[in-house]
PDB file of N, CA and C in Angstrom:
ATOM      1  N   MET A   1    -113.618  23.093  43.273  1.00  0.00           N
ATOM      2  CA  MET A   1    -114.596  22.106  43.637  1.00  0.00           C
ATOM      3  C   MET A   1    -114.539  20.834  42.831  1.00  0.00           C
ATOM      4  N   LYS A   2    -114.448  21.181  41.547  1.00  0.00           N
ATOM      5  CA  LYS A   2    -114.594  19.911  40.599  1.00  0.00           C
ATOM      6  C   LYS A   2    -113.368  19.174  40.791  1.00  0.00           C
ATOM      7  N   LYS A   3    -112.152  19.760  41.061  1.00  0.00           N
ATOM      8  CA  LYS A   3    -110.931  18.980  41.253  1.00  0.00           C
ATOM      9  C   LYS A   3    -110.996  18.182  42.611  1.00  0.00           C
ATOM     10  N   GLN A   4    -111.493  18.822  43.543  1.00  0.00           N
ATOM     11  CA  GLN A   4    -111.713  18.058  44.775  1.00  0.00           C
ATOM     12  C   GLN A   4    -112.683  16.875  44.673  1.00  0.00           C
ATOM     13  N   MET A   5    -113.729  16.878  43.847  1.00  0.00           N
ATOM     14  CA  MET A   5    -114.626  15.782  43.590  1.00  0.00           C
ATOM     15  C   MET A   5    -113.862  14.679  42.934  1.00  0.00           C
ATOM     16  N   ILE A   6    -113.104  15.130  41.830  1.00  0.00           N
ATOM     17  CA  ILE A   6    -112.342  14.128  41.050  1.00  0.00           C
ATOM     18  C   ILE A   6    -111.339  13.374  41.941  1.00  0.00           C
ATOM     19  N   PHE A   7    -110.589  14.217  42.964  1.00  0.00           N
ATOM     20  CA  PHE A   7    -109.610  13.697  43.770  1.00  0.00           C
ATOM     21  C   PHE A   7    -110.359  12.562  44.751  1.00  0.00           C
ATOM     22  N   SER A   8    -111.515  13.068  45.258  1.00  0.00           N
ATOM     23  CA  SER A   8    -112.172  12.208  46.210  1.00  0.00           C
ATOM     24  C   SER A   8    -112.650  10.869  45.506  1.00  0.00           C
ATOM     25  N   SER A   9    -113.118  10.984  44.232  1.00  0.00           N
ATOM     26  CA  SER A   9    -113.424   9.948  43.598  1.00  0.00           C
ATOM     27  C   SER A   9    -112.390   8.827  43.260  1.00  0.00           C
ATOM     28  N   LEU A  10    -111.183   9.367  43.015  1.00  0.00           N
ATOM     29  CA  LEU A  10    -110.029   8.638  42.768  1.00  0.00           C
ATOM     30  C   LEU A  10    -109.596   8.010  44.005  1.00  0.00           C
ATOM     31  N   MET A  11    -109.670   8.579  45.083  1.00  0.00           N
ATOM     32  CA  MET A  11    -109.258   8.080  46.407  1.00  0.00           C
ATOM     33  C   MET A  11    -110.177   6.803  46.747  1.00  0.00           C
ATOM     34  N   VAL A  12    -111.508   6.972  46.431  1.00  0.00           N
ATOM     35  CA  VAL A  12    -112.337   6.067  46.754  1.00  0.00           C
ATOM     36  C   VAL A  12    -112.105   4.655  45.867  1.00  0.00           C
ATOM     37  N   CYS A  13    -111.900   4.929  44.576  1.00  0.00           N
ATOM     38  CA  CYS A  13    -111.578   3.877  43.694  1.00  0.00           C
ATOM     39  C   CYS A  13    -110.143   3.174  44.124  1.00  0.00           C
ATOM     40  N   ALA A  14    -109.128   3.956  44.551  1.00  0.00           N
ATOM     41  CA  ALA A  14    -107.944   3.434  45.052  1.00  0.00           C
ATOM     42  C   ALA A  14    -108.067   2.615  46.328  1.00  0.00           C
ATOM     43  N   LEU A  15    -109.010   3.028  47.252  1.00  0.00           N
ATOM     44  CA  LEU A  15    -109.253   2.218  48.450  1.00  0.00           C
ATOM     45  C   LEU A  15    -109.952   1.051  48.113  1.00  0.00           C
ATOM     46  N   GLN A  16    -110.975   1.109  47.150  1.00  0.00           N
ATOM     47  CA  GLN A  16    -111.562  -0.158  46.801  1.00  0.00           C
ATOM     48  C   GLN A  16    -110.651  -1.162  46.150  1.00  0.00           C
ATOM     49  N   ALA A  17    -109.797  -0.696  45.230  1.00  0.00           N
ATOM     50  CA  ALA A  17    -108.904  -1.625  44.691  1.00  0.00           C
ATOM     51  C   ALA A  17    -107.994  -2.294  45.630  1.00  0.00           C
ATOM     52  N   ASN A  18    -107.535  -1.413  46.630  1.00  0.00           N
ATOM     53  CA  ASN A  18    -106.564  -2.017  47.603  1.00  0.00           C
ATOM     54  C   ASN A  18    -107.351  -2.906  48.565  1.00  0.00           C
ATOM     55  N   ALA A  19    -108.717  -2.690  48.792  1.00  0.00           N
ATOM     56  CA  ALA A  19    -109.322  -3.732  49.556  1.00  0.00           C
ATOM     57  C   ALA A  19    -109.561  -4.958  48.824  1.00  0.00           C
ATOM     58  N   SER A  20    -109.803  -4.785  47.496  1.00  0.00           N
ATOM     59  CA  SER A  20    -110.010  -6.024  46.762  1.00  0.00           C
ATOM     60  C   SER A  20    -108.630  -6.859  46.639  1.00  0.00           C
ATOM     61  N   ALA A  21    -107.470  -6.112  46.556  1.00  0.00           N
ATOM     62  CA  ALA A  21    -106.377  -6.898  46.554  1.00  0.00           C
ATOM     63  C   ALA A  21    -105.956  -7.505  47.843  1.00  0.00           C
ATOM     64  N   SER A  22    -106.304  -6.853  48.906  1.00  0.00           N
ATOM     65  CA  SER A  22    -106.145  -7.643  50.278  1.00  0.00           C
ATOM     66  C   SER A  22    -107.202  -8.731  50.360  1.00  0.00           C
ATOM     67  N   ASP A  23    -108.217  -8.578  49.899  1.00  0.00           N
ATOM     68  CA  ASP A  23    -109.280  -9.759  49.956  1.00  0.00           C
ATOM     69  C   ASP A  23    -108.765 -10.820  49.190  1.00  0.00           C
ATOM     70  N   CYS A  24    -108.214 -10.734  48.082  1.00  0.00           N
ATOM     71  CA  CYS A  24    -107.717 -11.763  47.259  1.00  0.00           C
ATOM     72  C   CYS A  24    -106.422 -12.506  47.887  1.00  0.00           C
ATOM     73  N   ALA A  25    -105.627 -11.556  48.512  1.00  0.00           N
ATOM     74  CA  ALA A  25    -104.504 -12.191  49.251  1.00  0.00           C
ATOM     75  C   ALA A  25    -104.817 -13.287  50.286  1.00  0.00           C
ATOM     76  N   ASP A  26    -105.923 -13.088  50.768  1.00  0.00           N
ATOM     77  CA  ASP A  26    -106.330 -14.068  51.865  1.00  0.00           C
ATOM     78  C   ASP A  26    -107.427 -14.975  51.432  1.00  0.00           C
ATOM     79  N   ALA A  27    -107.799 -14.924  50.125  1.00  0.00           N
ATOM     80  CA  ALA A  27    -108.876 -15.718  49.566  1.00  0.00           C
ATOM     81  C   ALA A  27    -108.740 -17.262  49.861  1.00  0.00           C
ATOM     82  N   GLY A  28    -107.453 -17.683  49.628  1.00  0.00           N
ATOM     83  CA  GLY A  28    -107.152 -19.205  49.790  1.00  0.00           C
ATOM     84  C   GLY A  28    -107.439 -19.529  51.257  1.00  0.00           C
ATOM     85  N   MET A  29    -106.938 -18.555  52.077  1.00  0.00           N
ATOM     86  CA  MET A  29    -107.069 -18.963  53.488  1.00  0.00           C
ATOM     87  C   MET A  29    -108.605 -19.112  53.917  1.00  0.00           C
ATOM     88  N   ARG A  30    -109.346 -18.168  53.364  1.00  0.00           N
ATOM     89  CA  ARG A  30    -110.788 -18.072  53.710  1.00  0.00           C
ATOM     90  C   ARG A  30    -111.434 -19.415  52.992  1.00  0.00           C
ATOM     91  N   LEU A  31    -110.985 -19.768  51.775  1.00  0.00           N
ATOM     92  CA  LEU A  31    -111.653 -21.097  51.144  1.00  0.00           C
ATOM     93  C   LEU A  31    -111.300 -22.280  51.908  1.00  0.00           C
ATOM     94  N   ASN A  32    -110.086 -22.262  52.484  1.00  0.00           N
ATOM     95  CA  ASN A  32    -109.636 -23.577  53.131  1.00  0.00           C
ATOM     96  C   ASN A  32    -110.427 -23.609  54.457  1.00  0.00           C
ATOM     97  N   ASP A  33    -110.525 -22.537  55.166  1.00  0.00           N
ATOM     98  CA  ASP A  33    -111.369 -22.355  56.399  1.00  0.00           C
ATOM     99  C   ASP A  33    -112.853 -22.802  56.184  1.00  0.00           C
ATOM    100  N   MET A  34    -113.343 -22.323  55.024  1.00  0.00           N
ATOM    101  CA  MET A  34    -114.758 -22.794  54.757  1.00  0.00           C
ATOM    102  C   MET A  34    -114.905 -24.199  54.478  1.00  0.00           C
ATOM    103  N   ALA A  35    -114.050 -24.804  53.678  1.00  0.00           N
ATOM    104  CA  ALA A  35    -113.843 -26.229  53.340  1.00  0.00           C
ATOM    105  C   ALA A  35    -113.721 -26.915  54.667  1.00  0.00           C
ATOM    106  N   GLY A  36    -113.011 -26.600  55.590  1.00  0.00           N
ATOM    107  CA  GLY A  36    -112.932 -27.287  56.840  1.00  0.00           C
ATOM    108  C   GLY A  36    -114.237 -27.325  57.660  1.00  0.00           C
ATOM    109  N   LYS A  37    -114.939 -26.252  57.736  1.00  0.00           N
ATOM    110  CA  LYS A  37    -116.188 -26.055  58.460  1.00  0.00           C
ATOM    111  C   LYS A  37    -117.135 -26.965  57.706  1.00  0.00           C
ATOM    112  N   ASP A  38    -117.077 -27.011  56.413  1.00  0.00           N
ATOM    113  CA  ASP A  38    -117.981 -27.942  55.541  1.00  0.00           C
ATOM    114  C   ASP A  38    -117.789 -29.330  55.921  1.00  0.00           C
ATOM    115  N   GLN A  39    -116.422 -29.729  55.836  1.00  0.00           N
ATOM    116  CA  GLN A  39    -116.315 -31.042  56.071  1.00  0.00           C
ATOM    117  C   GLN A  39    -116.704 -31.547  57.611  1.00  0.00           C
ATOM    118  N   GLN A  40    -116.533 -30.601  58.451  1.00  0.00           N
ATOM    119  CA  GLN A  40    -116.835 -30.688  59.858  1.00  0.00           C
ATOM    120  C   GLN A  40    -118.323 -31.209  60.152  1.00  0.00           C
ATOM    121  N   ILE A  41    -119.226 -30.307  59.373  1.00  0.00           N
ATOM    122  CA  ILE A  41    -120.572 -30.492  59.460  1.00  0.00           C
ATOM    123  C   ILE A  41    -120.941 -31.824  58.929  1.00  0.00           C
ATOM    124  N   ARG A  42    -120.266 -32.255  57.849  1.00  0.00           N
ATOM    125  CA  ARG A  42    -120.632 -33.477  57.160  1.00  0.00           C
ATOM    126  C   ARG A  42    -120.184 -34.517  57.944  1.00  0.00           C
ATOM    127  N   GLN A  43    -119.124 -34.464  58.712  1.00  0.00           N
ATOM    128  CA  GLN A  43    -118.675 -35.496  59.702  1.00  0.00           C
ATOM    129  C   GLN A  43    -119.691 -35.694  60.797  1.00  0.00           C
ATOM    130  N   GLU A  44    -120.125 -34.511  61.357  1.00  0.00           N
ATOM    131  CA  GLU A  44    -121.180 -34.525  62.393  1.00  0.00           C
ATOM    132  C   GLU A  44    -122.452 -35.239  61.838  1.00  0.00           C
ATOM    133  N   TRP A  45    -122.872 -34.969  60.730  1.00  0.00           N
ATOM    134  CA  TRP A  45    -123.988 -35.641  60.139  1.00  0.00           C
ATOM    135  C   TRP A  45    -123.726 -37.155  60.010  1.00  0.00           C
ATOM    136  N   TYR A  46    -122.629 -37.675  59.469  1.00  0.00           N
ATOM    137  CA  TYR A  46    -122.277 -38.977  59.420  1.00  0.00           C
ATOM    138  C   TYR A  46    -122.339 -39.686  60.798  1.00  0.00           C
ATOM    139  N   ALA A  47    -121.779 -38.990  61.816  1.00  0.00           N
ATOM    140  CA  ALA A  47    -121.723 -39.541  63.154  1.00  0.00           C
ATOM    141  C   ALA A  47    -123.115 -39.653  63.644  1.00  0.00           C
ATOM    142  N   LEU A  48    -123.883 -38.699  63.401  1.00  0.00           N
ATOM    143  CA  LEU A  48    -125.407 -38.766  63.899  1.00  0.00           C
ATOM    144  C   LEU A  48    -126.115 -39.882  63.240  1.00  0.00           C
ATOM    145  N   GLU A  49    -125.820 -40.035  61.963  1.00  0.00           N
ATOM    146  CA  GLU A  49    -126.531 -41.130  61.283  1.00  0.00           C
ATOM    147  C   GLU A  49    -126.103 -42.498  61.760  1.00  0.00           C
ATOM    148  N   GLN A  50    -124.810 -42.571  62.344  1.00  0.00           N
ATOM    149  CA  GLN A  50    -124.486 -43.866  62.680  1.00  0.00           C
ATOM    150  C   GLN A  50    -124.908 -44.150  64.101  1.00  0.00           C
ATOM    151  N   ASN A  51    -125.214 -43.067  64.767  1.00  0.00           N
ATOM    152  CA  ASN A  51    -125.684 -43.155  66.269  1.00  0.00           C
ATOM    153  C   ASN A  51    -127.204 -43.619  66.372  1.00  0.00           C
ATOM    154  N   SER A  52    -127.418 -44.764  66.812  1.00  0.00           N
ATOM    155  CA  SER A  52    -128.864 -45.287  66.769  1.00  0.00           C
ATOM    156  C   SER A  52    -129.615 -44.454  67.777  1.00  0.00           C
ATOM    157  N   LYS A  53    -128.907 -43.733  68.643  1.00  0.00           N
ATOM    158  CA  LYS A  53    -129.722 -42.888  69.543  1.00  0.00           C
ATOM    159  C   LYS A  53    -130.021 -41.501  69.200  1.00  0.00           C
ATOM    160  N   GLY A  54    -129.602 -41.292  67.961  1.00  0.00           N
ATOM    161  CA  GLY A  54    -129.770 -39.956  67.348  1.00  0.00           C
ATOM    162  C   GLY A  54    -131.275 -39.574  67.056  1.00  0.00           C
ATOM    163  N   THR A  55    -131.658 -38.565  67.605  1.00  0.00           N
ATOM    164  CA  THR A  55    -133.145 -38.285  67.391  1.00  0.00           C
ATOM    165  C   THR A  55    -133.384 -37.418  66.248  1.00  0.00           C
ATOM    166  N   SER A  56    -134.679 -37.463  65.874  1.00  0.00           N
ATOM    167  CA  SER A  56    -135.105 -36.621  64.694  1.00  0.00           C
ATOM    168  C   SER A  56    -134.845 -35.093  64.934  1.00  0.00           C
ATOM    169  N   VAL A  57    -135.140 -34.798  66.200  1.00  0.00           N
ATOM    170  CA  VAL A  57    -134.944 -33.389  66.609  1.00  0.00           C
ATOM    171  C   VAL A  57    -133.354 -32.857  66.369  1.00  0.00           C
ATOM    172  N   GLU A  58    -132.529 -33.777  66.834  1.00  0.00           N
ATOM    173  CA  GLU A  58    -131.087 -33.548  66.662  1.00  0.00           C
ATOM    174  C   GLU A  58    -130.665 -33.425  65.136  1.00  0.00           C
ATOM    175  N   LYS A  59    -131.344 -34.460  64.204  1.00  0.00           N
ATOM    176  CA  LYS A  59    -131.048 -34.434  62.854  1.00  0.00           C
ATOM    177  C   LYS A  59    -131.571 -33.034  62.143  1.00  0.00           C
ATOM    178  N   GLU A  60    -132.731 -32.791  62.622  1.00  0.00           N
ATOM    179  CA  GLU A  60    -133.258 -31.519  61.963  1.00  0.00           C
ATOM    180  C   GLU A  60    -132.468 -30.278  62.252  1.00  0.00           C
ATOM    181  N   ALA A  61    -132.071 -30.209  63.685  1.00  0.00           N
ATOM    182  CA  ALA A  61    -131.230 -29.121  64.019  1.00  0.00           C
ATOM    183  C   ALA A  61    -129.762 -29.128  63.198  1.00  0.00           C
ATOM    184  N   LEU A  62    -129.372 -30.263  62.945  1.00  0.00           N
ATOM    185  CA  LEU A  62    -128.023 -30.293  62.304  1.00  0.00           C
ATOM    186  C   LEU A  62    -128.348 -29.902  60.776  1.00  0.00           C
ATOM    187  N   GLN A  63    -129.398 -30.531  60.322  1.00  0.00           N
ATOM    188  CA  GLN A  63    -129.657 -30.046  58.922  1.00  0.00           C
ATOM    189  C   GLN A  63    -129.859 -28.622  58.636  1.00  0.00           C
ATOM    190  N   LYS A  64    -130.541 -27.884  59.587  1.00  0.00           N
ATOM    191  CA  LYS A  64    -130.644 -26.377  59.558  1.00  0.00           C
ATOM    192  C   LYS A  64    -129.274 -25.754  59.499  1.00  0.00           C
ATOM    193  N   ARG A  65    -128.449 -26.138  60.506  1.00  0.00           N
ATOM    194  CA  ARG A  65    -127.087 -25.523  60.657  1.00  0.00           C
ATOM    195  C   ARG A  65    -126.300 -25.865  59.166  1.00  0.00           C
ATOM    196  N   TRP A  66    -126.430 -27.063  58.788  1.00  0.00           N
ATOM    197  CA  TRP A  66    -125.846 -27.446  57.413  1.00  0.00           C
ATOM    198  C   TRP A  66    -126.333 -26.629  56.408  1.00  0.00           C
ATOM    199  N   LYS A  67    -127.474 -26.309  56.272  1.00  0.00           N
ATOM    200  CA  LYS A  67    -128.078 -25.495  55.232  1.00  0.00           C
ATOM    201  C   LYS A  67    -127.590 -24.059  55.282  1.00  0.00           C
ATOM    202  N   VAL A  68    -127.440 -23.526  56.479  1.00  0.00           N
ATOM    203  CA  VAL A  68    -127.034 -22.192  56.737  1.00  0.00           C
ATOM    204  C   VAL A  68    -125.517 -22.084  56.184  1.00  0.00           C
ATOM    205  N   ILE A  69    -124.680 -23.077  56.780  1.00  0.00           N
ATOM    206  CA  ILE A  69    -123.335 -23.106  56.297  1.00  0.00           C
ATOM    207  C   ILE A  69    -123.103 -23.229  54.895  1.00  0.00           C
ATOM    208  N   ASP A  70    -123.804 -24.192  54.275  1.00  0.00           N
ATOM    209  CA  ASP A  70    -123.907 -24.293  52.755  1.00  0.00           C
ATOM    210  C   ASP A  70    -124.157 -23.043  51.992  1.00  0.00           C
ATOM    211  N   GLY A  71    -125.252 -22.279  52.479  1.00  0.00           N
ATOM    212  CA  GLY A  71    -125.827 -21.172  51.862  1.00  0.00           C
ATOM    213  C   GLY A  71    -124.619 -20.033  51.944  1.00  0.00           C
ATOM    214  N   GLU A  72    -124.083 -19.848  53.180  1.00  0.00           N
ATOM    215  CA  GLU A  72    -123.023 -18.886  53.357  1.00  0.00           C
ATOM    216  C   GLU A  72    -121.780 -19.106  52.529  1.00  0.00           C
ATOM    217  N   ASN A  73    -121.291 -20.364  52.614  1.00  0.00           N
ATOM    218  CA  ASN A  73    -120.130 -20.817  51.833  1.00  0.00           C
ATOM    219  C   ASN A  73    -120.298 -20.508  50.284  1.00  0.00           C
ATOM    220  N   LEU A  74    -121.582 -20.944  49.750  1.00  0.00           N
ATOM    221  CA  LEU A  74    -121.701 -20.634  48.409  1.00  0.00           C
ATOM    222  C   LEU A  74    -121.557 -19.158  48.087  1.00  0.00           C
ATOM    223  N   LYS A  75    -122.256 -18.461  48.834  1.00  0.00           N
ATOM    224  CA  LYS A  75    -122.212 -16.903  48.625  1.00  0.00           C
ATOM    225  C   LYS A  75    -120.869 -16.401  48.545  1.00  0.00           C
ATOM    226  N   GLN A  76    -120.083 -16.786  49.548  1.00  0.00           N
ATOM    227  CA  GLN A  76    -118.655 -16.381  49.777  1.00  0.00           C
ATOM    228  C   GLN A  76    -117.863 -16.893  48.590  1.00  0.00           C
ATOM    229  N   VAL A  77    -117.940 -17.990  48.145  1.00  0.00           N
ATOM    230  CA  VAL A  77    -117.166 -18.619  47.128  1.00  0.00           C
ATOM    231  C   VAL A  77    -117.440 -17.829  45.924  1.00  0.00           C
ATOM    232  N   LYS A  78    -118.696 -17.574  45.550  1.00  0.00           N
ATOM    233  CA  LYS A  78    -119.133 -16.831  44.335  1.00  0.00           C
ATOM    234  C   LYS A  78    -118.467 -15.462  44.333  1.00  0.00           C
ATOM    235  N   ASN A  79    -118.393 -14.811  45.620  1.00  0.00           N
ATOM    236  CA  ASN A  79    -117.843 -13.479  45.701  1.00  0.00           C
ATOM    237  C   ASN A  79    -116.292 -13.545  45.481  1.00  0.00           C
ATOM    238  N   ILE A  80    -115.751 -14.513  46.102  1.00  0.00           N
ATOM    239  CA  ILE A  80    -114.187 -14.578  45.986  1.00  0.00           C
ATOM    240  C   ILE A  80    -113.869 -14.846  44.544  1.00  0.00           C
ATOM    241  N   ILE A  81    -114.592 -15.740  43.772  1.00  0.00           N
ATOM    242  CA  ILE A  81    -114.290 -16.018  42.436  1.00  0.00           C
ATOM    243  C   ILE A  81    -114.543 -14.864  41.409  1.00  0.00           C
ATOM    244  N   ALA A  82    -115.671 -14.065  41.783  1.00  0.00           N
ATOM    245  CA  ALA A  82    -115.927 -12.870  40.986  1.00  0.00           C
ATOM    246  C   ALA A  82    -114.950 -11.809  41.252  1.00  0.00           C
ATOM    247  N   ALA A  83    -114.343 -11.646  42.425  1.00  0.00           N
ATOM    248  CA  ALA A  83    -113.438 -10.552  42.713  1.00  0.00           C
ATOM    249  C   ALA A  83    -111.967 -11.076  42.371  1.00  0.00           C
ATOM    250  N   CYS A  84    -111.683 -12.327  42.632  1.00  0.00           N
ATOM    251  CA  CYS A  84    -110.157 -12.713  42.418  1.00  0.00           C
ATOM    252  C   CYS A  84    -109.959 -13.758  41.367  1.00  0.00           C
ATOM    253  N   GLY A  85    -111.026 -14.362  40.843  1.00  0.00           N
ATOM    254  CA  GLY A  85    -110.841 -15.464  39.831  1.00  0.00           C
ATOM    255  C   GLY A  85    -110.740 -16.756  40.611  1.00  0.00           C
ATOM    256  N   TRP A  86    -110.628 -17.881  39.673  1.00  0.00           N
ATOM    257  CA  TRP A  86    -110.469 -19.171  40.364  1.00  0.00           C
ATOM    258  C   TRP A  86    -109.030 -19.222  41.074  1.00  0.00           C
ATOM    259  N   PRO A  87    -108.923 -19.911  42.237  1.00  0.00           N
ATOM    260  CA  PRO A  87    -107.808 -19.879  42.978  1.00  0.00           C
ATOM    261  C   PRO A  87    -106.648 -20.674  42.234  1.00  0.00           C
ATOM    262  N   GLY A  88    -105.347 -20.174  42.460  1.00  0.00           N
ATOM    263  CA  GLY A  88    -104.305 -20.706  41.619  1.00  0.00           C
ATOM    264  C   GLY A  88    -103.594 -21.840  42.234  1.00  0.00           C
ATOM    265  N   THR A  89    -103.613 -22.057  43.556  1.00  0.00           N
ATOM    266  CA  THR A  89    -102.828 -23.094  44.212  1.00  0.00           C
ATOM    267  C   THR A  89    -103.682 -24.401  44.111  1.00  0.00           C
ATOM    268  N   ALA A  90    -103.124 -25.427  44.107  1.00  0.00           N
ATOM    269  CA  ALA A  90    -103.895 -26.821  44.119  1.00  0.00           C
ATOM    270  C   ALA A  90    -104.841 -26.988  45.337  1.00  0.00           C
ATOM    271  N   LYS A  91    -104.175 -26.462  46.526  1.00  0.00           N
ATOM    272  CA  LYS A  91    -104.969 -26.604  47.801  1.00  0.00           C
ATOM    273  C   LYS A  91    -106.129 -25.664  47.753  1.00  0.00           C
ATOM    274  N   ASP A  92    -105.995 -24.491  47.453  1.00  0.00           N
ATOM    275  CA  ASP A  92    -107.032 -23.483  47.418  1.00  0.00           C
ATOM    276  C   ASP A  92    -108.223 -23.828  46.371  1.00  0.00           C
ATOM    277  N   SER A  93    -107.722 -24.260  45.241  1.00  0.00           N
ATOM    278  CA  SER A  93    -108.531 -24.794  44.026  1.00  0.00           C
ATOM    279  C   SER A  93    -109.428 -25.861  44.348  1.00  0.00           C
ATOM    280  N   HIS A  94    -108.778 -26.916  45.212  1.00  0.00           N
ATOM    281  CA  HIS A  94    -109.394 -28.006  45.832  1.00  0.00           C
ATOM    282  C   HIS A  94    -110.620 -27.732  46.674  1.00  0.00           C
ATOM    283  N   SER A  95    -110.179 -26.604  47.572  1.00  0.00           N
ATOM    284  CA  SER A  95    -111.210 -26.200  48.574  1.00  0.00           C
ATOM    285  C   SER A  95    -112.449 -25.495  47.786  1.00  0.00           C
ATOM    286  N   ALA A  96    -112.135 -24.741  46.798  1.00  0.00           N
ATOM    287  CA  ALA A  96    -113.194 -24.113  46.142  1.00  0.00           C
ATOM    288  C   ALA A  96    -114.005 -25.150  45.336  1.00  0.00           C
ATOM    289  N   TRP A  97    -113.425 -26.119  44.798  1.00  0.00           N
ATOM    290  CA  TRP A  97    -114.187 -27.106  44.153  1.00  0.00           C
ATOM    291  C   TRP A  97    -115.003 -27.834  45.095  1.00  0.00           C
ATOM    292  N   LEU A  98    -114.451 -28.240  46.229  1.00  0.00           N
ATOM    293  CA  LEU A  98    -115.203 -28.969  47.239  1.00  0.00           C
ATOM    294  C   LEU A  98    -116.465 -28.203  47.749  1.00  0.00           C
ATOM    295  N   LEU A  99    -116.255 -26.911  48.017  1.00  0.00           N
ATOM    296  CA  LEU A  99    -117.417 -26.152  48.359  1.00  0.00           C
ATOM    297  C   LEU A  99    -118.419 -25.842  47.315  1.00  0.00           C
ATOM    298  N   VAL A 100    -118.124 -25.645  46.072  1.00  0.00           N
ATOM    299  CA  VAL A 100    -119.063 -25.503  45.059  1.00  0.00           C
ATOM    300  C   VAL A 100    -119.732 -26.722  44.683  1.00  0.00           C
ATOM    301  N   GLN A 101    -119.160 -27.819  44.754  1.00  0.00           N
ATOM    302  CA  GLN A 101    -119.854 -29.106  44.171  1.00  0.00           C
ATOM    303  C   GLN A 101    -120.617 -29.628  45.308  1.00  0.00           C
ATOM    304  N   LEU A 102    -120.408 -29.297  46.627  1.00  0.00           N
ATOM    305  CA  LEU A 102    -121.165 -29.934  47.597  1.00  0.00           C
ATOM    306  C   LEU A 102    -122.257 -28.956  48.099  1.00  0.00           C
ATOM    307  N   CYS A 103    -122.333 -27.781  48.044  1.00  0.00           N
ATOM    308  CA  CYS A 103    -123.301 -26.902  48.340  1.00  0.00           C
ATOM    309  C   CYS A 103    -124.545 -27.317  47.581  1.00  0.00           C
ATOM    310  N   ARG A 104    -125.747 -27.309  48.338  1.00  0.00           N
ATOM    311  CA  ARG A 104    -126.957 -27.576  47.788  1.00  0.00           C
ATOM    312  C   ARG A 104    -127.852 -26.424  47.660  1.00  0.00           C
TER     313      ARG A 104
END
């Protein structure tokens, strides 16, 4: 029974380590995707600000979406960095920096 419990514990640890490794393998792709969405919402804001017909209701709705996106991005970036460290490639590192410095 004790051997079975130890074996089960080792299997769980191995599965978790494997999941972390695969999470880190696609971390750059996730960071770049988040940075793209971040830039998209900022471009929408800029366009709305430039539109003289933009209403306060539209601006408020966009700000709510923006806040949700920033919150999710910051949470995911923290998780990625905690699990995988700072990204190694210039593109991935730039995306992480962009997300961290722009999240409010």
